[in-house]
Structures are given as structure tokens and as C-alpha cells.
Amino acid sequence: MDRNDIDREKKKQCIEDIKVYFENERDEVIGDMAAELFLGFILEKIAPVIYNRALEDVYRFLDDRLDDLFVLEK
């Protein structure tokens, strides 16, 4: 499974969320196809940036915890 794939129910909810966002924030009504294409764009272009940032944050967190552990070394 590609890391950009999401299960059917989550994808359906994301599409609905996008449609609600456009209607509430931009006063635009978009259909399922437009919302799905927008979701695809987010998954392809934006999600990897967020994913990589999360990995960097986890790395820094674990690195700090390892430093704390080595302080206990006798």
C-alpha cells in the first residue's frame, strides 16, 4: 500500500470535510470530484512535507530521551 493511500471510509470523510471547508471558508460549493482531486493534491504534495517534519520531531524527541538515559550510566 502506498503511504498516500487511505482507507475508503477515511477518504470519504476527508472529501466531505474538504467540501464543508470550501463552503464555510470560501463560500464555494464544490462536488465530490473536485474535493477528491484536491485531496489527491494534498496527499501528493503536502502530506510528505508534514510526514517528514513529524519524523524529524520524533528523532529529536528520542535523541533527547537517549541523552537522558546516558546520564544514568555509571
C-alpha atoms as a PDB file:
ATOM      1  CA  MET A   1       0.000   0.000   0.000  1.00  0.00           C
ATOM      2  CA  ASP A   2       1.305   3.421  -0.967  1.00  0.00           C
ATOM      3  CA  ARG A   3       1.810   5.685   2.051  1.00  0.00           C
ATOM      4  CA  ASN A   4      -0.581   8.170   0.418  1.00  0.00           C
ATOM      5  CA  ASP A   5      -3.393   5.605   0.290  1.00  0.00           C
ATOM      6  CA  ILE A   6      -6.097   5.927   2.893  1.00  0.00           C
ATOM      7  CA  ASP A   7      -8.958   3.557   3.549  1.00  0.00           C
ATOM      8  CA  ARG A   8     -12.284   4.132   1.857  1.00  0.00           C
ATOM      9  CA  GLU A   9     -14.146   5.473   4.910  1.00  0.00           C
ATOM     10  CA  LYS A  10     -11.390   7.918   5.869  1.00  0.00           C
ATOM     11  CA  LYS A  11     -11.147   9.092   2.269  1.00  0.00           C
ATOM     12  CA  LYS A  12     -14.911   9.625   2.122  1.00  0.00           C
ATOM     13  CA  GLN A  13     -14.782  11.644   5.365  1.00  0.00           C
ATOM     14  CA  CYS A  14     -11.858  13.731   4.080  1.00  0.00           C
ATOM     15  CA  ILE A  15     -13.782  14.532   0.904  1.00  0.00           C
ATOM     16  CA  GLU A  16     -16.783  15.643   2.952  1.00  0.00           C
ATOM     17  CA  ASP A  17     -14.531  17.739   5.217  1.00  0.00           C
ATOM     18  CA  ILE A  18     -12.997  19.449   2.190  1.00  0.00           C
ATOM     19  CA  LYS A  19     -16.418  20.228   0.761  1.00  0.00           C
ATOM     20  CA  VAL A  20     -17.547  21.707   4.092  1.00  0.00           C
ATOM     21  CA  TYR A  21     -14.343  23.729   4.342  1.00  0.00           C
ATOM     22  CA  PHE A  22     -14.800  25.241   0.890  1.00  0.00           C
ATOM     23  CA  GLU A  23     -18.418  26.074   1.621  1.00  0.00           C
ATOM     24  CA  ASN A  24     -17.756  27.602   5.054  1.00  0.00           C
ATOM     25  CA  GLU A  25     -14.467  29.369   4.405  1.00  0.00           C
ATOM     26  CA  ARG A  26     -14.656  30.281   0.743  1.00  0.00           C
ATOM     27  CA  ASP A  27     -18.392  30.380   0.075  1.00  0.00           C
ATOM     28  CA  GLU A  28     -17.843  27.868  -2.743  1.00  0.00           C
ATOM     29  CA  VAL A  29     -19.779  24.698  -3.343  1.00  0.00           C
ATOM     30  CA  ILE A  30     -17.590  22.006  -4.825  1.00  0.00           C
ATOM     31  CA  GLY A  31     -18.536  18.491  -5.821  1.00  0.00           C
ATOM     32  CA  ASP A  32     -17.116  15.149  -4.853  1.00  0.00           C
ATOM     33  CA  MET A  33     -14.757  15.033  -7.846  1.00  0.00           C
ATOM     34  CA  ALA A  34     -13.225  18.451  -7.113  1.00  0.00           C
ATOM     35  CA  ALA A  35     -12.839  17.570  -3.436  1.00  0.00           C
ATOM     36  CA  GLU A  36     -11.247  14.226  -4.314  1.00  0.00           C
ATOM     37  CA  LEU A  37      -8.798  15.905  -6.702  1.00  0.00           C
ATOM     38  CA  PHE A  38      -7.919  18.435  -4.012  1.00  0.00           C
ATOM     39  CA  LEU A  39      -7.381  15.601  -1.519  1.00  0.00           C
ATOM     40  CA  GLY A  40      -5.101  13.899  -4.048  1.00  0.00           C
ATOM     41  CA  PHE A  41      -3.075  17.097  -4.365  1.00  0.00           C
ATOM     42  CA  ILE A  42      -2.738  17.353  -0.586  1.00  0.00           C
ATOM     43  CA  LEU A  43      -1.686  13.720  -0.272  1.00  0.00           C
ATOM     44  CA  GLU A  44       0.854  14.018  -3.075  1.00  0.00           C
ATOM     45  CA  LYS A  45       2.386  17.421  -2.391  1.00  0.00           C
ATOM     46  CA  ILE A  46       1.720  18.437   1.210  1.00  0.00           C
ATOM     47  CA  ALA A  47       1.447  15.210   3.215  1.00  0.00           C
ATOM     48  CA  PRO A  48       5.095  14.194   2.577  1.00  0.00           C
ATOM     49  CA  VAL A  49       6.307  17.519   3.986  1.00  0.00           C
ATOM     50  CA  ILE A  50       4.232  17.039   7.135  1.00  0.00           C
ATOM     51  CA  TYR A  51       5.280  13.388   7.392  1.00  0.00           C
ATOM     52  CA  ASN A  52       8.975  14.259   7.143  1.00  0.00           C
ATOM     53  CA  ARG A  53       8.587  17.006   9.749  1.00  0.00           C
ATOM     54  CA  ALA A  54       6.912  14.519  12.099  1.00  0.00           C
ATOM     55  CA  LEU A  55       9.828  12.116  11.626  1.00  0.00           C
ATOM     56  CA  GLU A  56      12.287  14.907  12.442  1.00  0.00           C
ATOM     57  CA  ASP A  57      10.312  15.766  15.589  1.00  0.00           C
ATOM     58  CA  VAL A  58      10.275  12.124  16.702  1.00  0.00           C
ATOM     59  CA  TYR A  59      14.004  11.827  16.028  1.00  0.00           C
ATOM     60  CA  ARG A  60      14.745  14.904  18.158  1.00  0.00           C
ATOM     61  CA  PHE A  61      12.452  13.660  20.940  1.00  0.00           C
ATOM     62  CA  LEU A  62      14.063  10.211  21.013  1.00  0.00           C
ATOM     63  CA  ASP A  63      17.543  11.699  20.807  1.00  0.00           C
ATOM     64  CA  ASP A  64      16.803  13.848  23.869  1.00  0.00           C
ATOM     65  CA  ARG A  65      15.467  10.807  25.743  1.00  0.00           C
ATOM     66  CA  LEU A  66      18.601   8.829  24.879  1.00  0.00           C
ATOM     67  CA  ASP A  67      20.750  11.653  26.227  1.00  0.00           C
ATOM     68  CA  ASP A  68      18.750  11.465  29.471  1.00  0.00           C
ATOM     69  CA  LEU A  69      19.346   7.707  29.591  1.00  0.00           C
ATOM     70  CA  PHE A  70      23.106   8.037  29.158  1.00  0.00           C
ATOM     71  CA  VAL A  71      23.260  10.429  32.108  1.00  0.00           C
ATOM     72  CA  LEU A  72      22.278   7.456  34.278  1.00  0.00           C
ATOM     73  CA  GLU A  73      25.301   5.465  33.081  1.00  0.00           C
ATOM     74  CA  LYS A  74      27.837   4.659  35.843  1.00  0.00           C
END
